[in-house]
Amino acid sequence: MAKSLSVSVVSADQQVWTGEATMVVAKTVEGEIGILAGHEPMLAILAVGDVRVTLADGSKVIAKAEDGFLSVDNDIVTVVARKAELVSSL
């Protein structure tokens, strides 16, 4: 079985989405980044844009985020944004 990521997307006032995923794609100030299980620890500053979370069944959760950061450590991905909202669940 493939390893998964534990993902949390939170805004200043609420938890937007949390769960297990196979991939996270987010827009940072240095460009778009894709995170898979086993990714090296990192911290990135978010640019305004979508955070796309791919679930094990292939469906996607999309949240819009601005003014925040993304951290990766031991297959735990945390997106913290001043403003974030769930856009869609496909």
C-alpha atoms as a PDB file:
ATOM      1  CA  MET A   1       0.000   0.000   0.000  1.00  0.00           C
ATOM      2  CA  ALA A   2       1.298   3.460  -0.890  1.00  0.00           C
ATOM      3  CA  LYS A   3       2.186   5.822   1.924  1.00  0.00           C
ATOM      4  CA  SER A   4      -0.147   8.718   2.449  1.00  0.00           C
ATOM      5  CA  LEU A   5       0.074  12.271   3.690  1.00  0.00           C
ATOM      6  CA  SER A   6      -1.774  13.627   6.692  1.00  0.00           C
ATOM      7  CA  VAL A   7      -3.072  17.018   5.528  1.00  0.00           C
ATOM      8  CA  SER A   8      -4.570  19.966   7.419  1.00  0.00           C
ATOM      9  CA  VAL A   9      -5.739  23.206   5.836  1.00  0.00           C
ATOM     10  CA  VAL A  10      -6.554  25.868   8.422  1.00  0.00           C
ATOM     11  CA  SER A  11      -7.375  29.570   8.365  1.00  0.00           C
ATOM     12  CA  ALA A  12      -7.062  32.101  11.152  1.00  0.00           C
ATOM     13  CA  ASP A  13     -10.518  31.250  12.490  1.00  0.00           C
ATOM     14  CA  GLN A  14     -11.363  27.696  11.401  1.00  0.00           C
ATOM     15  CA  GLN A  15     -10.175  24.303  10.231  1.00  0.00           C
ATOM     16  CA  VAL A  16     -11.014  24.195   6.521  1.00  0.00           C
ATOM     17  CA  TRP A  17     -10.177  20.548   5.735  1.00  0.00           C
ATOM     18  CA  THR A  18      -8.237  17.679   7.266  1.00  0.00           C
ATOM     19  CA  GLY A  19      -7.643  14.118   6.122  1.00  0.00           C
ATOM     20  CA  GLU A  20      -5.395  11.644   4.343  1.00  0.00           C
ATOM     21  CA  ALA A  21      -4.134  12.322   0.825  1.00  0.00           C
ATOM     22  CA  THR A  22      -1.725  11.009  -1.797  1.00  0.00           C
ATOM     23  CA  MET A  23      -0.644  14.422  -3.124  1.00  0.00           C
ATOM     24  CA  VAL A  24      -0.881  18.125  -2.319  1.00  0.00           C
ATOM     25  CA  VAL A  25      -0.244  20.881  -4.883  1.00  0.00           C
ATOM     26  CA  ALA A  26       0.022  24.482  -3.702  1.00  0.00           C
ATOM     27  CA  LYS A  27       1.073  27.825  -5.138  1.00  0.00           C
ATOM     28  CA  THR A  28       3.999  29.413  -3.298  1.00  0.00           C
ATOM     29  CA  VAL A  29       5.769  32.718  -3.863  1.00  0.00           C
ATOM     30  CA  GLU A  30       8.489  30.719  -5.666  1.00  0.00           C
ATOM     31  CA  GLY A  31       6.052  28.803  -7.895  1.00  0.00           C
ATOM     32  CA  GLU A  32       3.791  25.780  -7.721  1.00  0.00           C
ATOM     33  CA  ILE A  33       4.945  22.817  -5.645  1.00  0.00           C
ATOM     34  CA  GLY A  34       3.741  19.229  -5.479  1.00  0.00           C
ATOM     35  CA  ILE A  35       4.120  17.214  -2.289  1.00  0.00           C
ATOM     36  CA  LEU A  36       4.121  13.401  -2.206  1.00  0.00           C
ATOM     37  CA  ALA A  37       4.767  11.004   0.682  1.00  0.00           C
ATOM     38  CA  GLY A  38       8.461  10.992   1.598  1.00  0.00           C
ATOM     39  CA  HIS A  39       8.983  14.668   0.707  1.00  0.00           C
ATOM     40  CA  GLU A  40      11.842  16.377   2.513  1.00  0.00           C
ATOM     41  CA  PRO A  41      10.878  18.686   5.379  1.00  0.00           C
ATOM     42  CA  MET A  42      10.243  22.207   4.125  1.00  0.00           C
ATOM     43  CA  LEU A  43       8.530  25.483   4.856  1.00  0.00           C
ATOM     44  CA  ALA A  44       7.160  27.667   2.033  1.00  0.00           C
ATOM     45  CA  ILE A  45       5.307  30.974   1.888  1.00  0.00           C
ATOM     46  CA  LEU A  46       1.959  30.693   0.109  1.00  0.00           C
ATOM     47  CA  ALA A  47       0.954  32.882  -2.785  1.00  0.00           C
ATOM     48  CA  VAL A  48      -2.754  33.575  -3.361  1.00  0.00           C
ATOM     49  CA  GLY A  49      -4.158  30.529  -5.100  1.00  0.00           C
ATOM     50  CA  ASP A  50      -5.599  27.053  -4.842  1.00  0.00           C
ATOM     51  CA  VAL A  51      -4.362  24.241  -2.655  1.00  0.00           C
ATOM     52  CA  ARG A  52      -5.291  21.007  -4.447  1.00  0.00           C
ATOM     53  CA  VAL A  53      -5.424  17.842  -2.358  1.00  0.00           C
ATOM     54  CA  THR A  54      -5.672  14.479  -4.166  1.00  0.00           C
ATOM     55  CA  LEU A  55      -7.274  11.695  -2.136  1.00  0.00           C
ATOM     56  CA  ALA A  56      -6.475   7.974  -2.380  1.00  0.00           C
ATOM     57  CA  ASP A  57      -9.555   7.330  -4.559  1.00  0.00           C
ATOM     58  CA  GLY A  58      -8.427  10.005  -7.052  1.00  0.00           C
ATOM     59  CA  SER A  59     -10.972  12.620  -5.987  1.00  0.00           C
ATOM     60  CA  LYS A  60      -9.771  16.141  -5.241  1.00  0.00           C
ATOM     61  CA  VAL A  61     -10.416  18.711  -2.546  1.00  0.00           C
ATOM     62  CA  ILE A  62      -9.652  22.314  -3.528  1.00  0.00           C
ATOM     63  CA  ALA A  63      -9.233  25.180  -1.090  1.00  0.00           C
ATOM     64  CA  LYS A  64      -8.403  28.791  -1.879  1.00  0.00           C
ATOM     65  CA  ALA A  65      -5.740  30.181   0.440  1.00  0.00           C
ATOM     66  CA  GLU A  66      -3.936  33.498   0.855  1.00  0.00           C
ATOM     67  CA  ASP A  67      -1.337  35.006   3.186  1.00  0.00           C
ATOM     68  CA  GLY A  68       0.138  31.996   4.908  1.00  0.00           C
ATOM     69  CA  PHE A  69       2.587  29.139   4.742  1.00  0.00           C
ATOM     70  CA  LEU A  70       2.855  25.442   3.984  1.00  0.00           C
ATOM     71  CA  SER A  71       4.975  23.089   6.050  1.00  0.00           C
ATOM     72  CA  VAL A  72       5.970  19.489   5.388  1.00  0.00           C
ATOM     73  CA  ASP A  73       7.486  17.209   8.011  1.00  0.00           C
ATOM     74  CA  ASN A  74       7.331  13.399   8.250  1.00  0.00           C
ATOM     75  CA  ASP A  75       4.444  13.114   5.741  1.00  0.00           C
ATOM     76  CA  ILE A  76       2.427  15.734   7.644  1.00  0.00           C
ATOM     77  CA  VAL A  77       1.408  18.681   5.452  1.00  0.00           C
ATOM     78  CA  THR A  78       0.026  21.743   7.192  1.00  0.00           C
ATOM     79  CA  VAL A  79      -1.343  24.730   5.301  1.00  0.00           C
ATOM     80  CA  VAL A  80      -1.950  27.756   7.525  1.00  0.00           C
ATOM     81  CA  ALA A  81      -3.505  30.805   5.881  1.00  0.00           C
ATOM     82  CA  ARG A  82      -4.869  34.099   7.128  1.00  0.00           C
ATOM     83  CA  LYS A  83      -7.830  33.461   4.846  1.00  0.00           C
ATOM     84  CA  ALA A  84      -8.803  30.040   3.486  1.00  0.00           C
ATOM     85  CA  GLU A  85     -12.007  28.482   2.218  1.00  0.00           C
ATOM     86  CA  LEU A  86     -13.075  25.223   0.655  1.00  0.00           C
ATOM     87  CA  VAL A  87     -13.829  25.750  -3.034  1.00  0.00           C
ATOM     88  CA  SER A  88     -14.873  22.266  -4.101  1.00  0.00           C
ATOM     89  CA  SER A  89     -14.726  18.557  -3.471  1.00  0.00           C
ATOM     90  CA  LEU A  90     -14.586  16.619  -6.749  1.00  0.00           C
END
